[in-house]
Amino acid sequence: MKREELKEQNRTKIIEAAKRLFLAQGIQKTSVRQISQESGISYVTMYKYFADKEALVQEVLTGLIDTSFADAQATIKNSSQPFLQRLQAIPNTSSLGAITSQASYEELSKTIETTPKLRAHVRAKLDGLFTTFIQIGRRDGFITTPASDEAIITILTSLVYYGDANGHEPDPKQAEGIVNVLLYGLTGK
């Protein structure tokens, strides 16, 4: 095996071990030594791949974000289901479903929200997802409004960040009501 291949293989082992541990027990409760043990890569060698735990956290979370959004994109593009069913299935496609506790989920979410690079990455992925959603929705005749794509993206983004503006996560029942108003208007038609 070539040296570069071995380096990439070791890097992948570290990332996968960290991901498993972060999802199972959270970031704060996971030590670099635990990641070293789980990955089979020595503690000292790990620092050749990642400057510190924070760099590893960002790498792992970027990968989780990418996977979650790729899954959501695939769900939207799945033409074997009606558009509305695809839209409703998106929350169930996230790779974040592997998180074993609410505390771990909250910690990972807070880390994403408080890390500018990760927050910007999520925003870029959201814009891409919303663009795909709008294009396919218009193509399939589900989205018929003359409103611009940019206006729709602004509204959808506002809904996503609604909880942040209020300092808490939105109530899922309220979120469902907001989506119904968005989809069917105030008349419910």
C-alpha atoms as a PDB file:
ATOM      1  CA  MET A   1       0.000   0.000   0.000  1.00  0.00           C
ATOM      2  CA  LYS A   2       1.346   3.409  -0.924  1.00  0.00           C
ATOM      3  CA  ARG A   3       2.122   5.921   1.788  1.00  0.00           C
ATOM      4  CA  GLU A   4      -0.605   8.339   0.632  1.00  0.00           C
ATOM      5  CA  GLU A   5      -3.204   5.556   0.628  1.00  0.00           C
ATOM      6  CA  LEU A   6      -2.186   4.549   4.147  1.00  0.00           C
ATOM      7  CA  LYS A   7      -2.438   8.158   5.330  1.00  0.00           C
ATOM      8  CA  GLU A   8      -5.920   8.488   3.845  1.00  0.00           C
ATOM      9  CA  GLN A   9      -6.961   5.162   5.374  1.00  0.00           C
ATOM     10  CA  ASN A  10      -5.724   6.270   8.821  1.00  0.00           C
ATOM     11  CA  ARG A  11      -7.481   9.631   8.481  1.00  0.00           C
ATOM     12  CA  THR A  12     -10.722   7.835   7.606  1.00  0.00           C
ATOM     13  CA  LYS A  13     -10.342   5.493  10.597  1.00  0.00           C
ATOM     14  CA  ILE A  14      -9.941   8.469  12.927  1.00  0.00           C
ATOM     15  CA  ILE A  15     -12.952  10.297  11.470  1.00  0.00           C
ATOM     16  CA  GLU A  16     -15.198   7.219  11.601  1.00  0.00           C
ATOM     17  CA  ALA A  17     -14.173   6.400  15.184  1.00  0.00           C
ATOM     18  CA  ALA A  18     -14.770   9.989  16.278  1.00  0.00           C
ATOM     19  CA  LYS A  19     -18.157  10.023  14.547  1.00  0.00           C
ATOM     20  CA  ARG A  20     -19.278   6.840  16.305  1.00  0.00           C
ATOM     21  CA  LEU A  21     -18.185   8.171  19.684  1.00  0.00           C
ATOM     22  CA  PHE A  22     -19.620  11.674  19.169  1.00  0.00           C
ATOM     23  CA  LEU A  23     -22.978  10.227  18.123  1.00  0.00           C
ATOM     24  CA  ALA A  24     -23.039   7.774  21.017  1.00  0.00           C
ATOM     25  CA  GLN A  25     -21.821   9.937  23.885  1.00  0.00           C
ATOM     26  CA  GLY A  26     -21.403  13.501  22.633  1.00  0.00           C
ATOM     27  CA  ILE A  27     -18.392  15.659  21.897  1.00  0.00           C
ATOM     28  CA  GLN A  28     -17.500  16.773  25.424  1.00  0.00           C
ATOM     29  CA  LYS A  29     -17.651  13.254  26.856  1.00  0.00           C
ATOM     30  CA  THR A  30     -15.384  11.907  24.111  1.00  0.00           C
ATOM     31  CA  SER A  31     -11.652  12.195  24.689  1.00  0.00           C
ATOM     32  CA  VAL A  32      -8.929  12.115  22.058  1.00  0.00           C
ATOM     33  CA  ARG A  33      -7.561   9.017  23.795  1.00  0.00           C
ATOM     34  CA  GLN A  34     -10.918   7.253  23.324  1.00  0.00           C
ATOM     35  CA  ILE A  35     -10.871   8.155  19.633  1.00  0.00           C
ATOM     36  CA  SER A  36      -7.315   6.826  19.423  1.00  0.00           C
ATOM     37  CA  GLN A  37      -8.352   3.518  21.007  1.00  0.00           C
ATOM     38  CA  GLU A  38     -11.488   3.202  18.870  1.00  0.00           C
ATOM     39  CA  SER A  39      -9.617   3.953  15.637  1.00  0.00           C
ATOM     40  CA  GLY A  40      -6.543   1.861  16.379  1.00  0.00           C
ATOM     41  CA  ILE A  41      -4.354   4.883  15.585  1.00  0.00           C
ATOM     42  CA  SER A  42      -1.875   6.003  18.233  1.00  0.00           C
ATOM     43  CA  TYR A  43      -2.638   9.109  20.244  1.00  0.00           C
ATOM     44  CA  VAL A  44       0.503  10.887  18.998  1.00  0.00           C
ATOM     45  CA  THR A  45      -0.095   9.907  15.360  1.00  0.00           C
ATOM     46  CA  MET A  46      -3.601  11.382  15.466  1.00  0.00           C
ATOM     47  CA  TYR A  47      -2.080  14.847  15.802  1.00  0.00           C
ATOM     48  CA  LYS A  48      -0.359  14.389  12.434  1.00  0.00           C
ATOM     49  CA  TYR A  49      -3.836  14.311  10.890  1.00  0.00           C
ATOM     50  CA  PHE A  50      -5.702  16.818  13.055  1.00  0.00           C
ATOM     51  CA  ALA A  51      -4.164  19.766  14.903  1.00  0.00           C
ATOM     52  CA  ASP A  52      -6.564  19.346  17.815  1.00  0.00           C
ATOM     53  CA  LYS A  53      -9.900  17.908  18.838  1.00  0.00           C
ATOM     54  CA  GLU A  54     -11.719  20.978  17.486  1.00  0.00           C
ATOM     55  CA  ALA A  55     -10.359  20.348  13.973  1.00  0.00           C
ATOM     56  CA  LEU A  56     -11.548  16.745  14.196  1.00  0.00           C
ATOM     57  CA  VAL A  57     -14.973  17.847  15.467  1.00  0.00           C
ATOM     58  CA  GLN A  58     -15.338  20.199  12.494  1.00  0.00           C
ATOM     59  CA  GLU A  59     -14.316  17.461  10.055  1.00  0.00           C
ATOM     60  CA  VAL A  60     -16.783  14.967  11.544  1.00  0.00           C
ATOM     61  CA  LEU A  61     -19.663  17.450  11.655  1.00  0.00           C
ATOM     62  CA  THR A  62     -18.965  18.635   8.101  1.00  0.00           C
ATOM     63  CA  GLY A  63     -19.221  15.007   6.985  1.00  0.00           C
ATOM     64  CA  LEU A  64     -22.485  14.500   8.893  1.00  0.00           C
ATOM     65  CA  ILE A  65     -23.917  17.683   7.386  1.00  0.00           C
ATOM     66  CA  ASP A  66     -22.884  16.614   3.883  1.00  0.00           C
ATOM     67  CA  THR A  67     -24.390  13.147   4.312  1.00  0.00           C
ATOM     68  CA  SER A  68     -27.639  14.490   5.759  1.00  0.00           C
ATOM     69  CA  PHE A  69     -28.111  16.973   2.933  1.00  0.00           C
ATOM     70  CA  ALA A  70     -27.141  14.404   0.274  1.00  0.00           C
ATOM     71  CA  ASP A  71     -29.796  12.066   1.698  1.00  0.00           C
ATOM     72  CA  ALA A  72     -32.376  14.868   1.654  1.00  0.00           C
ATOM     73  CA  GLN A  73     -31.448  15.759  -1.949  1.00  0.00           C
ATOM     74  CA  ALA A  74     -31.832  12.103  -2.973  1.00  0.00           C
ATOM     75  CA  THR A  75     -35.249  11.970  -1.295  1.00  0.00           C
ATOM     76  CA  ILE A  76     -36.443  15.074  -3.137  1.00  0.00           C
ATOM     77  CA  LYS A  77     -35.143  13.727  -6.451  1.00  0.00           C
ATOM     78  CA  ASN A  78     -36.822  10.312  -5.965  1.00  0.00           C
ATOM     79  CA  SER A  79     -39.489  10.494  -8.652  1.00  0.00           C
ATOM     80  CA  SER A  80     -41.114   7.207  -7.599  1.00  0.00           C
ATOM     81  CA  GLN A  81     -43.129   9.065  -4.937  1.00  0.00           C
ATOM     82  CA  PRO A  82     -45.456  12.058  -5.209  1.00  0.00           C
ATOM     83  CA  PHE A  83     -43.723  15.354  -4.435  1.00  0.00           C
ATOM     84  CA  LEU A  84     -45.535  15.965  -1.129  1.00  0.00           C
ATOM     85  CA  GLN A  85     -44.594  12.492   0.164  1.00  0.00           C
ATOM     86  CA  ARG A  86     -40.957  13.166  -0.712  1.00  0.00           C
ATOM     87  CA  LEU A  87     -41.116  16.441   1.163  1.00  0.00           C
ATOM     88  CA  GLN A  88     -42.637  14.771   4.225  1.00  0.00           C
ATOM     89  CA  ALA A  89     -39.976  12.024   4.149  1.00  0.00           C
ATOM     90  CA  ILE A  90     -37.009  14.408   4.367  1.00  0.00           C
ATOM     91  CA  PRO A  91     -36.803  14.586   8.192  1.00  0.00           C
ATOM     92  CA  ASN A  92     -36.470  10.784   8.296  1.00  0.00           C
ATOM     93  CA  THR A  93     -33.470  10.697   5.934  1.00  0.00           C
ATOM     94  CA  SER A  94     -30.915  12.393   8.178  1.00  0.00           C
ATOM     95  CA  SER A  95     -27.792  10.508   9.200  1.00  0.00           C
ATOM     96  CA  LEU A  96     -28.189  12.317  12.502  1.00  0.00           C
ATOM     97  CA  GLY A  97     -30.751   9.629  13.324  1.00  0.00           C
ATOM     98  CA  ALA A  98     -27.830   7.570  14.625  1.00  0.00           C
ATOM     99  CA  ILE A  99     -27.537   9.891  17.622  1.00  0.00           C
ATOM    100  CA  THR A 100     -28.373   7.866  20.700  1.00  0.00           C
ATOM    101  CA  SER A 101     -29.403  10.621  23.111  1.00  0.00           C
ATOM    102  CA  GLN A 102     -31.170  13.965  23.110  1.00  0.00           C
ATOM    103  CA  ALA A 103     -28.208  15.469  24.977  1.00  0.00           C
ATOM    104  CA  SER A 104     -25.803  14.392  22.215  1.00  0.00           C
ATOM    105  CA  TYR A 105     -28.138  15.799  19.570  1.00  0.00           C
ATOM    106  CA  GLU A 106     -28.400  19.124  21.391  1.00  0.00           C
ATOM    107  CA  GLU A 107     -24.631  19.300  21.841  1.00  0.00           C
ATOM    108  CA  LEU A 108     -23.950  18.578  18.161  1.00  0.00           C
ATOM    109  CA  SER A 109     -26.597  21.115  17.104  1.00  0.00           C
ATOM    110  CA  LYS A 110     -25.169  23.766  19.426  1.00  0.00           C
ATOM    111  CA  THR A 111     -21.657  23.131  18.108  1.00  0.00           C
ATOM    112  CA  ILE A 112     -22.880  23.635  14.549  1.00  0.00           C
ATOM    113  CA  GLU A 113     -24.774  26.801  15.511  1.00  0.00           C
ATOM    114  CA  THR A 114     -21.815  28.328  17.362  1.00  0.00           C
ATOM    115  CA  THR A 115     -19.101  27.474  14.830  1.00  0.00           C
ATOM    116  CA  PRO A 116     -19.179  30.044  12.011  1.00  0.00           C
ATOM    117  CA  LYS A 117     -17.585  27.706   9.452  1.00  0.00           C
ATOM    118  CA  LEU A 118     -20.118  24.936  10.156  1.00  0.00           C
ATOM    119  CA  ARG A 119     -23.045  27.350  10.256  1.00  0.00           C
ATOM    120  CA  ALA A 120     -22.012  28.769   6.856  1.00  0.00           C
ATOM    121  CA  HIS A 121     -21.685  25.220   5.520  1.00  0.00           C
ATOM    122  CA  VAL A 122     -25.218  24.377   6.664  1.00  0.00           C
ATOM    123  CA  ARG A 123     -26.523  27.595   5.111  1.00  0.00           C
ATOM    124  CA  ALA A 124     -24.898  26.763   1.754  1.00  0.00           C
ATOM    125  CA  LYS A 125     -26.316  23.234   1.873  1.00  0.00           C
ATOM    126  CA  LEU A 126     -29.776  24.576   2.783  1.00  0.00           C
ATOM    127  CA  ASP A 127     -29.700  26.962  -0.167  1.00  0.00           C
ATOM    128  CA  GLY A 128     -28.799  24.069  -2.475  1.00  0.00           C
ATOM    129  CA  LEU A 129     -31.525  21.858  -1.012  1.00  0.00           C
ATOM    130  CA  PHE A 130     -34.139  24.599  -1.280  1.00  0.00           C
ATOM    131  CA  THR A 131     -33.111  25.328  -4.877  1.00  0.00           C
ATOM    132  CA  THR A 132     -33.546  21.653  -5.786  1.00  0.00           C
ATOM    133  CA  PHE A 133     -36.860  21.545  -3.908  1.00  0.00           C
ATOM    134  CA  ILE A 134     -38.163  24.588  -5.797  1.00  0.00           C
ATOM    135  CA  GLN A 135     -36.961  23.407  -9.225  1.00  0.00           C
ATOM    136  CA  ILE A 136     -38.517  19.967  -8.841  1.00  0.00           C
ATOM    137  CA  GLY A 137     -41.653  21.401  -7.224  1.00  0.00           C
ATOM    138  CA  ARG A 138     -42.138  23.760 -10.154  1.00  0.00           C
ATOM    139  CA  ARG A 139     -41.370  21.005 -12.674  1.00  0.00           C
ATOM    140  CA  ASP A 140     -43.887  18.641 -11.053  1.00  0.00           C
ATOM    141  CA  GLY A 141     -46.548  21.358 -10.862  1.00  0.00           C
ATOM    142  CA  PHE A 142     -46.593  21.394  -7.065  1.00  0.00           C
ATOM    143  CA  ILE A 143     -45.133  24.895  -6.745  1.00  0.00           C
ATOM    144  CA  THR A 144     -47.152  27.229  -8.953  1.00  0.00           C
ATOM    145  CA  THR A 145     -46.614  30.601  -7.315  1.00  0.00           C
ATOM    146  CA  PRO A 146     -45.183  33.374  -9.462  1.00  0.00           C
ATOM    147  CA  ALA A 147     -42.923  34.319  -6.523  1.00  0.00           C
ATOM    148  CA  SER A 148     -39.223  34.214  -7.347  1.00  0.00           C
ATOM    149  CA  ASP A 149     -37.056  31.320  -6.240  1.00  0.00           C
ATOM    150  CA  GLU A 150     -35.083  33.767  -4.085  1.00  0.00           C
ATOM    151  CA  ALA A 151     -38.256  34.870  -2.267  1.00  0.00           C
ATOM    152  CA  ILE A 152     -39.219  31.258  -1.567  1.00  0.00           C
ATOM    153  CA  ILE A 153     -35.699  30.468  -0.332  1.00  0.00           C
ATOM    154  CA  THR A 154     -35.863  33.482   2.001  1.00  0.00           C
ATOM    155  CA  ILE A 155     -39.151  32.258   3.487  1.00  0.00           C
ATOM    156  CA  LEU A 156     -37.919  28.674   3.882  1.00  0.00           C
ATOM    157  CA  THR A 157     -34.666  29.830   5.457  1.00  0.00           C
ATOM    158  CA  SER A 158     -36.601  32.031   7.872  1.00  0.00           C
ATOM    159  CA  LEU A 159     -38.643  29.004   8.919  1.00  0.00           C
ATOM    160  CA  VAL A 160     -35.517  26.929   9.510  1.00  0.00           C
ATOM    161  CA  TYR A 161     -33.928  29.620  11.649  1.00  0.00           C
ATOM    162  CA  TYR A 162     -37.175  30.530  13.443  1.00  0.00           C
ATOM    163  CA  GLY A 163     -36.142  28.606  16.568  1.00  0.00           C
ATOM    164  CA  ASP A 164     -32.799  30.399  16.721  1.00  0.00           C
ATOM    165  CA  ALA A 165     -34.488  33.800  16.621  1.00  0.00           C
ATOM    166  CA  ASN A 166     -36.558  32.866  19.662  1.00  0.00           C
ATOM    167  CA  GLY A 167     -33.666  31.250  21.506  1.00  0.00           C
ATOM    168  CA  HIS A 168     -35.211  27.772  21.405  1.00  0.00           C
ATOM    169  CA  GLU A 169     -36.161  24.990  19.083  1.00  0.00           C
ATOM    170  CA  PRO A 170     -39.568  25.449  17.444  1.00  0.00           C
ATOM    171  CA  ASP A 171     -42.431  23.268  18.641  1.00  0.00           C
ATOM    172  CA  PRO A 172     -42.863  20.470  16.043  1.00  0.00           C
ATOM    173  CA  LYS A 173     -46.661  20.949  16.083  1.00  0.00           C
ATOM    174  CA  GLN A 174     -46.223  24.651  15.421  1.00  0.00           C
ATOM    175  CA  ALA A 175     -43.679  23.886  12.683  1.00  0.00           C
ATOM    176  CA  GLU A 176     -46.224  21.581  11.023  1.00  0.00           C
ATOM    177  CA  GLY A 177     -48.806  24.390  11.137  1.00  0.00           C
ATOM    178  CA  ILE A 178     -46.336  26.818   9.588  1.00  0.00           C
ATOM    179  CA  VAL A 179     -45.591  24.344   6.793  1.00  0.00           C
ATOM    180  CA  ASN A 180     -49.333  23.890   6.147  1.00  0.00           C
ATOM    181  CA  VAL A 181     -49.815  27.658   5.869  1.00  0.00           C
ATOM    182  CA  LEU A 182     -46.813  27.823   3.560  1.00  0.00           C
ATOM    183  CA  LEU A 183     -48.109  25.013   1.342  1.00  0.00           C
ATOM    184  CA  TYR A 184     -51.837  25.741   1.350  1.00  0.00           C
ATOM    185  CA  GLY A 185     -52.104  29.423   2.260  1.00  0.00           C
ATOM    186  CA  LEU A 186     -54.368  30.998   4.825  1.00  0.00           C
ATOM    187  CA  THR A 187     -57.487  29.594   3.154  1.00  0.00           C
ATOM    188  CA  GLY A 188     -56.209  26.014   3.489  1.00  0.00           C
ATOM    189  CA  LYS A 189     -56.946  25.207  -0.140  1.00  0.00           C
END
